[in-house]
Amino acid sequence: MDQGHPTISHNYMLILDKRQPWQKVIDRTFGIKRSFRLDPHIESVVLALIESGIRTTQSCEGHMTHGFPYPWVRIVNDDRGTLQTFLEAFYKQHPMIYDRMLQIEHLLTDEYMLRSHGAILQESRDPDEQVEKLKEYQQEMHAFALFLKERFSSEQ
C-alpha cells in the first residue's frame, strides 16, 4: 500500500489514510453505525489488519459454547501474500511457540483463515485445556495486532 494515498476498506466502506494517527482510525471505525459488532478479543487484530491493507470477511474471538474454540479471521485471497509478509516480520521479533504460531489456512477458492497452528487440536483436548489454549490463542492474535499497530505508528 502506498503511504501517500488513501485506500478503501470494503468491509467498512471507510477511507483509511496512512497519515492518520492510529486512534483516529479506530475512532472513525467505531463511529460508523453498523449492523454487526466485532468480538472484543478479535477486534484489535481485525482493525489492525484492515488498516494494514488486509481485507477481512469474517472473524470470531473463539467460544467454548458455540462456533470454534479458537480465534480466527478470514481474509480474501489477494491479500494472502501481504499477510504472510507481516507474519514473517512478526515472528522475527516475537517468540515463536509452535502451538500458538499464527498460520494462514486455505479454506475456499477465494478465502483464507488466519488462526493459531494448534487450533485444529482444540476439539481433542479436555475442556479445561481448551479454555487455557483459547486464552493463549487470543493473546497471540492480540500480540500480532500490537505488532501491526506499532508498524503503522512507525510509518507515520
N, C-alpha and C. Protein backbone atom coordinates (compact mmCIF):
# COMPACT_ATOMS: atom_id res chain seq x y z
N MET A 1 0.84 -1.17 0.00
CA MET A 1 0.00 0.00 0.00
C MET A 1 0.89 1.24 0.00
N ASP A 2 0.60 2.17 -0.85
CA ASP A 2 1.35 3.40 -0.95
C ASP A 2 0.98 4.29 0.24
N GLN A 3 1.98 4.77 0.97
CA GLN A 3 1.74 5.57 2.16
C GLN A 3 0.97 6.85 1.88
N GLY A 4 1.16 7.43 0.74
CA GLY A 4 0.57 8.73 0.49
C GLY A 4 -0.85 8.72 -0.02
N HIS A 5 -1.39 7.57 -0.35
CA HIS A 5 -2.71 7.52 -0.95
C HIS A 5 -3.69 6.78 -0.07
N PRO A 6 -4.90 7.33 0.10
CA PRO A 6 -5.91 6.63 0.89
C PRO A 6 -6.33 5.34 0.20
N THR A 7 -6.80 4.39 0.99
CA THR A 7 -7.35 3.16 0.44
C THR A 7 -8.76 2.99 0.98
N ILE A 8 -9.55 2.19 0.32
CA ILE A 8 -10.91 1.95 0.78
C ILE A 8 -11.02 0.55 1.32
N SER A 9 -11.50 0.43 2.55
CA SER A 9 -11.77 -0.86 3.13
C SER A 9 -13.17 -1.26 2.71
N HIS A 10 -13.29 -2.34 1.98
CA HIS A 10 -14.59 -2.78 1.52
C HIS A 10 -15.44 -3.30 2.66
N ASN A 11 -14.84 -3.69 3.79
CA ASN A 11 -15.60 -4.17 4.93
C ASN A 11 -16.36 -3.05 5.61
N TYR A 12 -15.77 -1.89 5.72
CA TYR A 12 -16.39 -0.80 6.45
C TYR A 12 -16.74 0.38 5.55
N MET A 13 -16.34 0.30 4.28
CA MET A 13 -16.53 1.42 3.35
C MET A 13 -16.02 2.70 3.99
N LEU A 14 -14.83 2.65 4.48
CA LEU A 14 -14.19 3.71 5.22
C LEU A 14 -12.88 4.05 4.52
N ILE A 15 -12.62 5.31 4.32
CA ILE A 15 -11.35 5.69 3.71
C ILE A 15 -10.29 5.68 4.81
N LEU A 16 -9.26 4.90 4.58
CA LEU A 16 -8.16 4.78 5.53
C LEU A 16 -6.93 5.41 4.91
N ASP A 17 -6.32 6.30 5.61
CA ASP A 17 -5.17 7.03 5.11
C ASP A 17 -4.00 6.81 6.05
N LYS A 18 -2.85 6.40 5.53
CA LYS A 18 -1.68 6.11 6.36
C LYS A 18 -1.23 7.32 7.17
N ARG A 19 -1.63 8.51 6.79
CA ARG A 19 -1.18 9.70 7.52
C ARG A 19 -1.99 9.94 8.78
N GLN A 20 -3.08 9.19 8.98
CA GLN A 20 -3.92 9.38 10.16
C GLN A 20 -3.29 8.71 11.38
N PRO A 21 -3.41 9.33 12.55
CA PRO A 21 -2.99 8.62 13.76
C PRO A 21 -3.85 7.38 13.96
N TRP A 22 -3.27 6.33 14.54
CA TRP A 22 -3.97 5.06 14.75
C TRP A 22 -5.29 5.27 15.50
N GLN A 23 -5.29 6.04 16.57
CA GLN A 23 -6.51 6.22 17.37
C GLN A 23 -7.61 6.85 16.53
N LYS A 24 -7.25 7.73 15.62
CA LYS A 24 -8.26 8.36 14.76
C LYS A 24 -8.91 7.31 13.85
N VAL A 25 -8.12 6.38 13.35
CA VAL A 25 -8.66 5.30 12.52
C VAL A 25 -9.66 4.48 13.32
N ILE A 26 -9.28 4.11 14.54
CA ILE A 26 -10.19 3.33 15.39
C ILE A 26 -11.45 4.12 15.70
N ASP A 27 -11.30 5.40 16.07
CA ASP A 27 -12.45 6.23 16.38
C ASP A 27 -13.40 6.33 15.19
N ARG A 28 -12.84 6.50 14.00
CA ARG A 28 -13.69 6.59 12.80
C ARG A 28 -14.40 5.28 12.54
N THR A 29 -13.72 4.17 12.75
CA THR A 29 -14.34 2.86 12.52
C THR A 29 -15.49 2.65 13.49
N PHE A 30 -15.26 2.96 14.76
CA PHE A 30 -16.32 2.77 15.75
C PHE A 30 -17.44 3.78 15.59
N GLY A 31 -17.14 4.90 14.95
CA GLY A 31 -18.16 5.93 14.76
C GLY A 31 -19.19 5.57 13.70
N ILE A 32 -18.91 4.57 12.91
CA ILE A 32 -19.82 4.15 11.86
C ILE A 32 -20.91 3.28 12.46
N LYS A 33 -22.15 3.61 12.16
CA LYS A 33 -23.24 2.74 12.61
C LYS A 33 -23.19 1.48 11.76
N ARG A 34 -23.24 0.35 12.42
CA ARG A 34 -23.14 -0.90 11.69
C ARG A 34 -24.11 -1.90 12.28
N SER A 35 -24.48 -2.86 11.49
CA SER A 35 -25.44 -3.87 11.93
C SER A 35 -24.74 -5.09 12.49
N PHE A 36 -23.44 -4.99 12.70
CA PHE A 36 -22.67 -6.10 13.25
C PHE A 36 -21.72 -5.53 14.29
N ARG A 37 -21.15 -6.41 15.08
CA ARG A 37 -20.12 -5.99 16.02
C ARG A 37 -18.99 -7.00 15.97
N LEU A 38 -17.84 -6.55 16.35
CA LEU A 38 -16.69 -7.43 16.43
C LEU A 38 -16.56 -7.93 17.86
N ASP A 39 -16.21 -9.20 18.01
CA ASP A 39 -15.97 -9.74 19.34
C ASP A 39 -14.79 -8.99 19.97
N PRO A 40 -14.86 -8.72 21.28
CA PRO A 40 -13.81 -7.92 21.93
C PRO A 40 -12.40 -8.50 21.80
N HIS A 41 -12.25 -9.82 21.80
CA HIS A 41 -10.91 -10.42 21.76
C HIS A 41 -10.38 -10.64 20.34
N ILE A 42 -11.09 -10.14 19.34
CA ILE A 42 -10.60 -10.23 17.95
C ILE A 42 -10.60 -8.86 17.28
N GLU A 43 -11.28 -7.92 17.90
CA GLU A 43 -11.45 -6.59 17.33
C GLU A 43 -10.13 -5.91 17.00
N SER A 44 -9.15 -5.96 17.90
CA SER A 44 -7.89 -5.25 17.66
C SER A 44 -7.16 -5.79 16.44
N VAL A 45 -7.17 -7.10 16.26
CA VAL A 45 -6.45 -7.66 15.11
C VAL A 45 -7.22 -7.38 13.81
N VAL A 46 -8.53 -7.41 13.84
CA VAL A 46 -9.30 -7.11 12.62
C VAL A 46 -9.04 -5.67 12.19
N LEU A 47 -9.10 -4.73 13.13
CA LEU A 47 -8.85 -3.33 12.79
C LEU A 47 -7.42 -3.12 12.31
N ALA A 48 -6.47 -3.80 12.95
CA ALA A 48 -5.06 -3.67 12.53
C ALA A 48 -4.85 -4.24 11.14
N LEU A 49 -5.50 -5.36 10.85
CA LEU A 49 -5.39 -5.95 9.51
C LEU A 49 -5.96 -5.01 8.46
N ILE A 50 -7.14 -4.47 8.74
CA ILE A 50 -7.78 -3.56 7.79
C ILE A 50 -6.90 -2.34 7.54
N GLU A 51 -6.37 -1.75 8.61
CA GLU A 51 -5.52 -0.58 8.45
C GLU A 51 -4.25 -0.93 7.70
N SER A 52 -3.82 -2.17 7.77
CA SER A 52 -2.61 -2.60 7.07
C SER A 52 -2.89 -3.02 5.63
N GLY A 53 -4.14 -2.86 5.21
CA GLY A 53 -4.49 -3.16 3.82
C GLY A 53 -4.99 -4.57 3.58
N ILE A 54 -5.22 -5.33 4.64
CA ILE A 54 -5.73 -6.71 4.52
C ILE A 54 -7.25 -6.67 4.63
N ARG A 55 -7.91 -7.18 3.62
CA ARG A 55 -9.38 -7.20 3.63
C ARG A 55 -9.88 -8.44 4.36
N THR A 56 -10.71 -8.22 5.36
CA THR A 56 -11.27 -9.32 6.13
C THR A 56 -12.73 -9.53 5.72
N THR A 57 -13.21 -10.77 5.88
CA THR A 57 -14.60 -11.05 5.54
C THR A 57 -15.41 -11.53 6.74
N GLN A 58 -14.78 -12.21 7.67
CA GLN A 58 -15.42 -12.69 8.89
C GLN A 58 -14.37 -12.85 9.96
N SER A 59 -14.84 -12.90 11.21
CA SER A 59 -13.91 -13.13 12.31
C SER A 59 -14.68 -13.61 13.53
N CYS A 60 -13.95 -14.20 14.47
CA CYS A 60 -14.53 -14.62 15.74
C CYS A 60 -13.41 -14.73 16.76
N GLU A 61 -13.70 -14.36 17.99
CA GLU A 61 -12.70 -14.45 19.06
C GLU A 61 -12.53 -15.86 19.60
N GLY A 62 -13.44 -16.76 19.22
CA GLY A 62 -13.43 -18.12 19.74
C GLY A 62 -14.34 -18.23 20.95
N HIS A 63 -15.08 -19.31 21.01
CA HIS A 63 -16.05 -19.51 22.10
C HIS A 63 -16.06 -20.98 22.51
N MET A 64 -16.32 -21.21 23.76
CA MET A 64 -16.41 -22.58 24.26
C MET A 64 -17.82 -23.15 24.09
N THR A 65 -18.82 -22.31 23.93
CA THR A 65 -20.21 -22.77 23.86
C THR A 65 -20.76 -22.88 22.45
N HIS A 66 -20.13 -22.23 21.49
CA HIS A 66 -20.59 -22.29 20.10
C HIS A 66 -19.45 -21.90 19.17
N GLY A 67 -19.60 -22.25 17.92
CA GLY A 67 -18.56 -21.92 16.95
C GLY A 67 -17.29 -22.70 17.22
N PHE A 68 -16.17 -22.09 16.89
CA PHE A 68 -14.86 -22.72 17.09
C PHE A 68 -14.25 -22.28 18.42
N PRO A 69 -13.54 -23.17 19.11
CA PRO A 69 -12.89 -22.80 20.37
C PRO A 69 -11.51 -22.17 20.17
N TYR A 70 -11.38 -21.30 19.17
CA TYR A 70 -10.15 -20.58 18.90
C TYR A 70 -10.49 -19.35 18.07
N PRO A 71 -9.68 -18.29 18.17
CA PRO A 71 -9.93 -17.09 17.36
C PRO A 71 -9.48 -17.29 15.91
N TRP A 72 -10.18 -16.63 15.01
CA TRP A 72 -9.84 -16.73 13.60
C TRP A 72 -10.32 -15.49 12.86
N VAL A 73 -9.68 -15.22 11.74
CA VAL A 73 -10.07 -14.13 10.84
C VAL A 73 -9.97 -14.65 9.43
N ARG A 74 -11.02 -14.47 8.66
CA ARG A 74 -10.98 -14.83 7.23
C ARG A 74 -10.54 -13.62 6.42
N ILE A 75 -9.69 -13.90 5.44
CA ILE A 75 -9.20 -12.84 4.56
C ILE A 75 -9.41 -13.27 3.11
N VAL A 76 -9.38 -12.29 2.22
CA VAL A 76 -9.54 -12.60 0.80
C VAL A 76 -8.21 -13.06 0.21
N ASN A 77 -8.29 -13.83 -0.83
CA ASN A 77 -7.14 -14.44 -1.48
C ASN A 77 -6.06 -13.44 -1.88
N ASP A 78 -6.46 -12.33 -2.44
CA ASP A 78 -5.49 -11.35 -2.95
C ASP A 78 -4.57 -10.80 -1.87
N ASP A 79 -4.97 -10.87 -0.60
CA ASP A 79 -4.19 -10.29 0.49
C ASP A 79 -3.34 -11.32 1.24
N ARG A 80 -3.38 -12.54 0.80
CA ARG A 80 -2.65 -13.62 1.47
C ARG A 80 -1.15 -13.36 1.51
N GLY A 81 -0.57 -12.94 0.40
CA GLY A 81 0.87 -12.69 0.35
C GLY A 81 1.30 -11.57 1.28
N THR A 82 0.53 -10.51 1.33
CA THR A 82 0.83 -9.40 2.23
C THR A 82 0.76 -9.86 3.68
N LEU A 83 -0.27 -10.63 4.01
CA LEU A 83 -0.40 -11.14 5.37
C LEU A 83 0.77 -12.04 5.72
N GLN A 84 1.20 -12.88 4.80
CA GLN A 84 2.34 -13.76 5.04
C GLN A 84 3.60 -12.94 5.34
N THR A 85 3.80 -11.86 4.61
CA THR A 85 4.95 -10.98 4.84
C THR A 85 4.89 -10.38 6.24
N PHE A 86 3.70 -9.95 6.68
CA PHE A 86 3.55 -9.39 8.03
C PHE A 86 3.83 -10.45 9.09
N LEU A 87 3.34 -11.66 8.88
CA LEU A 87 3.58 -12.74 9.85
C LEU A 87 5.07 -13.07 9.95
N GLU A 88 5.75 -13.11 8.83
CA GLU A 88 7.18 -13.39 8.85
C GLU A 88 7.93 -12.32 9.63
N ALA A 89 7.58 -11.06 9.43
CA ALA A 89 8.22 -9.97 10.17
C ALA A 89 7.88 -10.06 11.66
N PHE A 90 6.64 -10.39 11.98
CA PHE A 90 6.20 -10.54 13.37
C PHE A 90 7.01 -11.61 14.08
N TYR A 91 7.18 -12.77 13.47
CA TYR A 91 7.88 -13.86 14.13
C TYR A 91 9.40 -13.71 14.13
N LYS A 92 9.92 -12.73 13.43
CA LYS A 92 11.35 -12.43 13.55
C LYS A 92 11.64 -11.74 14.88
N GLN A 93 10.63 -11.12 15.47
CA GLN A 93 10.85 -10.41 16.73
C GLN A 93 9.99 -10.92 17.88
N HIS A 94 9.07 -11.81 17.63
CA HIS A 94 8.16 -12.35 18.65
C HIS A 94 8.52 -13.82 18.89
N PRO A 95 8.53 -14.26 20.16
CA PRO A 95 8.85 -15.67 20.42
C PRO A 95 7.88 -16.59 19.68
N MET A 96 8.43 -17.57 19.00
CA MET A 96 7.59 -18.48 18.23
C MET A 96 7.34 -19.74 19.05
N ILE A 97 6.11 -19.88 19.50
CA ILE A 97 5.68 -21.10 20.19
C ILE A 97 4.81 -21.84 19.18
N TYR A 98 5.26 -22.99 18.77
CA TYR A 98 4.66 -23.70 17.65
C TYR A 98 3.13 -23.81 17.74
N ASP A 99 2.61 -24.18 18.88
CA ASP A 99 1.17 -24.35 19.05
C ASP A 99 0.40 -23.04 18.85
N ARG A 100 0.99 -21.93 19.29
CA ARG A 100 0.32 -20.62 19.21
C ARG A 100 0.55 -19.92 17.87
N MET A 101 1.60 -20.31 17.15
CA MET A 101 2.02 -19.61 15.94
C MET A 101 0.85 -19.42 14.98
N LEU A 102 0.69 -18.19 14.52
CA LEU A 102 -0.38 -17.88 13.58
C LEU A 102 -0.01 -18.41 12.20
N GLN A 103 -0.99 -18.96 11.53
CA GLN A 103 -0.79 -19.50 10.19
C GLN A 103 -1.96 -19.11 9.31
N ILE A 104 -1.74 -19.23 8.03
CA ILE A 104 -2.78 -18.94 7.04
C ILE A 104 -3.21 -20.27 6.45
N GLU A 105 -4.49 -20.56 6.60
CA GLU A 105 -5.03 -21.83 6.11
C GLU A 105 -5.98 -21.56 4.94
N HIS A 106 -5.83 -22.31 3.87
CA HIS A 106 -6.71 -22.18 2.70
C HIS A 106 -8.07 -22.80 3.01
N LEU A 107 -9.13 -22.04 2.77
CA LEU A 107 -10.49 -22.52 3.02
C LEU A 107 -11.24 -22.77 1.73
N LEU A 108 -11.44 -21.72 0.99
CA LEU A 108 -12.20 -21.76 -0.25
C LEU A 108 -11.33 -21.19 -1.36
N THR A 109 -11.84 -21.19 -2.54
CA THR A 109 -11.09 -20.66 -3.67
C THR A 109 -10.57 -19.26 -3.40
N ASP A 110 -11.40 -18.41 -2.83
CA ASP A 110 -11.03 -17.01 -2.64
C ASP A 110 -10.83 -16.59 -1.19
N GLU A 111 -10.81 -17.53 -0.26
CA GLU A 111 -10.68 -17.14 1.14
C GLU A 111 -9.67 -18.00 1.89
N TYR A 112 -9.05 -17.34 2.86
CA TYR A 112 -8.08 -17.98 3.75
C TYR A 112 -8.44 -17.61 5.18
N MET A 113 -7.97 -18.42 6.13
CA MET A 113 -8.22 -18.16 7.54
C MET A 113 -6.90 -17.98 8.28
N LEU A 114 -6.83 -16.93 9.07
CA LEU A 114 -5.71 -16.72 9.98
C LEU A 114 -6.12 -17.31 11.32
N ARG A 115 -5.31 -18.23 11.84
CA ARG A 115 -5.58 -18.86 13.13
C ARG A 115 -4.28 -19.43 13.67
N SER A 116 -4.31 -19.84 14.94
CA SER A 116 -3.14 -20.46 15.55
C SER A 116 -2.96 -21.88 15.03
N HIS A 117 -1.72 -22.31 14.94
CA HIS A 117 -1.41 -23.63 14.41
C HIS A 117 -2.10 -24.75 15.21
N GLY A 118 -2.11 -24.66 16.52
CA GLY A 118 -2.69 -25.70 17.36
C GLY A 118 -4.20 -25.70 17.44
N ALA A 119 -4.84 -24.75 16.79
CA ALA A 119 -6.30 -24.64 16.87
C ALA A 119 -6.99 -25.92 16.41
N ILE A 120 -6.41 -26.59 15.44
CA ILE A 120 -7.03 -27.80 14.90
C ILE A 120 -7.12 -28.91 15.96
N LEU A 121 -6.30 -28.82 17.00
CA LEU A 121 -6.31 -29.83 18.06
C LEU A 121 -7.31 -29.53 19.18
N GLN A 122 -7.93 -28.38 19.13
CA GLN A 122 -8.82 -27.97 20.22
C GLN A 122 -9.92 -29.00 20.53
N GLU A 123 -10.52 -29.56 19.53
CA GLU A 123 -11.63 -30.49 19.77
C GLU A 123 -11.20 -31.77 20.47
N SER A 124 -9.92 -32.11 20.39
CA SER A 124 -9.44 -33.34 21.04
C SER A 124 -8.95 -33.09 22.48
N ARG A 125 -8.95 -31.84 22.91
CA ARG A 125 -8.47 -31.51 24.26
C ARG A 125 -9.61 -31.58 25.28
N ASP A 126 -9.24 -31.78 26.54
CA ASP A 126 -10.27 -31.74 27.58
C ASP A 126 -10.71 -30.29 27.78
N PRO A 127 -11.90 -30.05 28.33
CA PRO A 127 -12.46 -28.69 28.42
C PRO A 127 -11.56 -27.68 29.13
N ASP A 128 -10.89 -28.08 30.21
CA ASP A 128 -10.01 -27.14 30.91
C ASP A 128 -8.84 -26.70 30.03
N GLU A 129 -8.27 -27.65 29.31
CA GLU A 129 -7.16 -27.32 28.41
C GLU A 129 -7.65 -26.47 27.24
N GLN A 130 -8.86 -26.73 26.76
CA GLN A 130 -9.42 -25.91 25.69
C GLN A 130 -9.53 -24.45 26.11
N VAL A 131 -10.01 -24.21 27.34
CA VAL A 131 -10.14 -22.85 27.85
C VAL A 131 -8.77 -22.19 27.93
N GLU A 132 -7.79 -22.91 28.45
CA GLU A 132 -6.43 -22.38 28.57
C GLU A 132 -5.86 -22.04 27.19
N LYS A 133 -6.02 -22.94 26.24
CA LYS A 133 -5.49 -22.72 24.88
C LYS A 133 -6.22 -21.58 24.18
N LEU A 134 -7.53 -21.48 24.40
CA LEU A 134 -8.29 -20.37 23.80
C LEU A 134 -7.69 -19.04 24.24
N LYS A 135 -7.40 -18.90 25.51
CA LYS A 135 -6.79 -17.66 26.02
C LYS A 135 -5.42 -17.42 25.40
N GLU A 136 -4.62 -18.48 25.28
CA GLU A 136 -3.30 -18.34 24.66
C GLU A 136 -3.42 -17.90 23.20
N TYR A 137 -4.35 -18.48 22.48
CA TYR A 137 -4.52 -18.13 21.07
C TYR A 137 -5.02 -16.70 20.92
N GLN A 138 -5.90 -16.27 21.84
CA GLN A 138 -6.36 -14.88 21.82
C GLN A 138 -5.20 -13.94 22.10
N GLN A 139 -4.33 -14.31 23.02
CA GLN A 139 -3.16 -13.48 23.33
C GLN A 139 -2.23 -13.37 22.13
N GLU A 140 -2.07 -14.45 21.38
CA GLU A 140 -1.21 -14.42 20.19
C GLU A 140 -1.78 -13.48 19.13
N MET A 141 -3.09 -13.54 18.92
CA MET A 141 -3.74 -12.62 17.98
C MET A 141 -3.54 -11.17 18.43
N HIS A 142 -3.70 -10.94 19.74
CA HIS A 142 -3.54 -9.59 20.27
C HIS A 142 -2.10 -9.11 20.08
N ALA A 143 -1.12 -9.98 20.32
CA ALA A 143 0.28 -9.61 20.12
C ALA A 143 0.53 -9.23 18.66
N PHE A 144 -0.08 -9.96 17.74
CA PHE A 144 0.06 -9.64 16.31
C PHE A 144 -0.59 -8.29 16.01
N ALA A 145 -1.73 -8.02 16.62
CA ALA A 145 -2.39 -6.72 16.43
C ALA A 145 -1.49 -5.59 16.93
N LEU A 146 -0.85 -5.76 18.07
CA LEU A 146 0.06 -4.74 18.59
C LEU A 146 1.24 -4.52 17.66
N PHE A 147 1.76 -5.62 17.09
CA PHE A 147 2.84 -5.52 16.12
C PHE A 147 2.41 -4.68 14.92
N LEU A 148 1.22 -4.96 14.39
CA LEU A 148 0.73 -4.21 13.23
C LEU A 148 0.49 -2.74 13.59
N LYS A 149 -0.03 -2.51 14.80
CA LYS A 149 -0.27 -1.14 15.25
C LYS A 149 1.06 -0.37 15.35
N GLU A 150 2.08 -1.01 15.93
CA GLU A 150 3.40 -0.36 16.04
C GLU A 150 3.99 -0.09 14.66
N ARG A 151 3.79 -1.03 13.74
CA ARG A 151 4.26 -0.86 12.37
C ARG A 151 3.58 0.34 11.73
N PHE A 152 2.27 0.46 11.95
CA PHE A 152 1.50 1.59 11.42
C PHE A 152 2.03 2.89 12.00
N SER A 153 2.23 2.92 13.32
CA SER A 153 2.68 4.13 14.01
C SER A 153 4.06 4.55 13.54
N SER A 154 4.95 3.58 13.29
CA SER A 154 6.30 3.91 12.86
C SER A 154 6.36 4.45 11.44
N GLU A 155 5.32 4.18 10.66
CA GLU A 155 5.27 4.68 9.27
C GLU A 155 4.70 6.08 9.18
N GLN A 156 4.24 6.61 10.31
CA GLN A 156 3.64 7.95 10.31
C GLN A 156 4.68 9.01 10.03
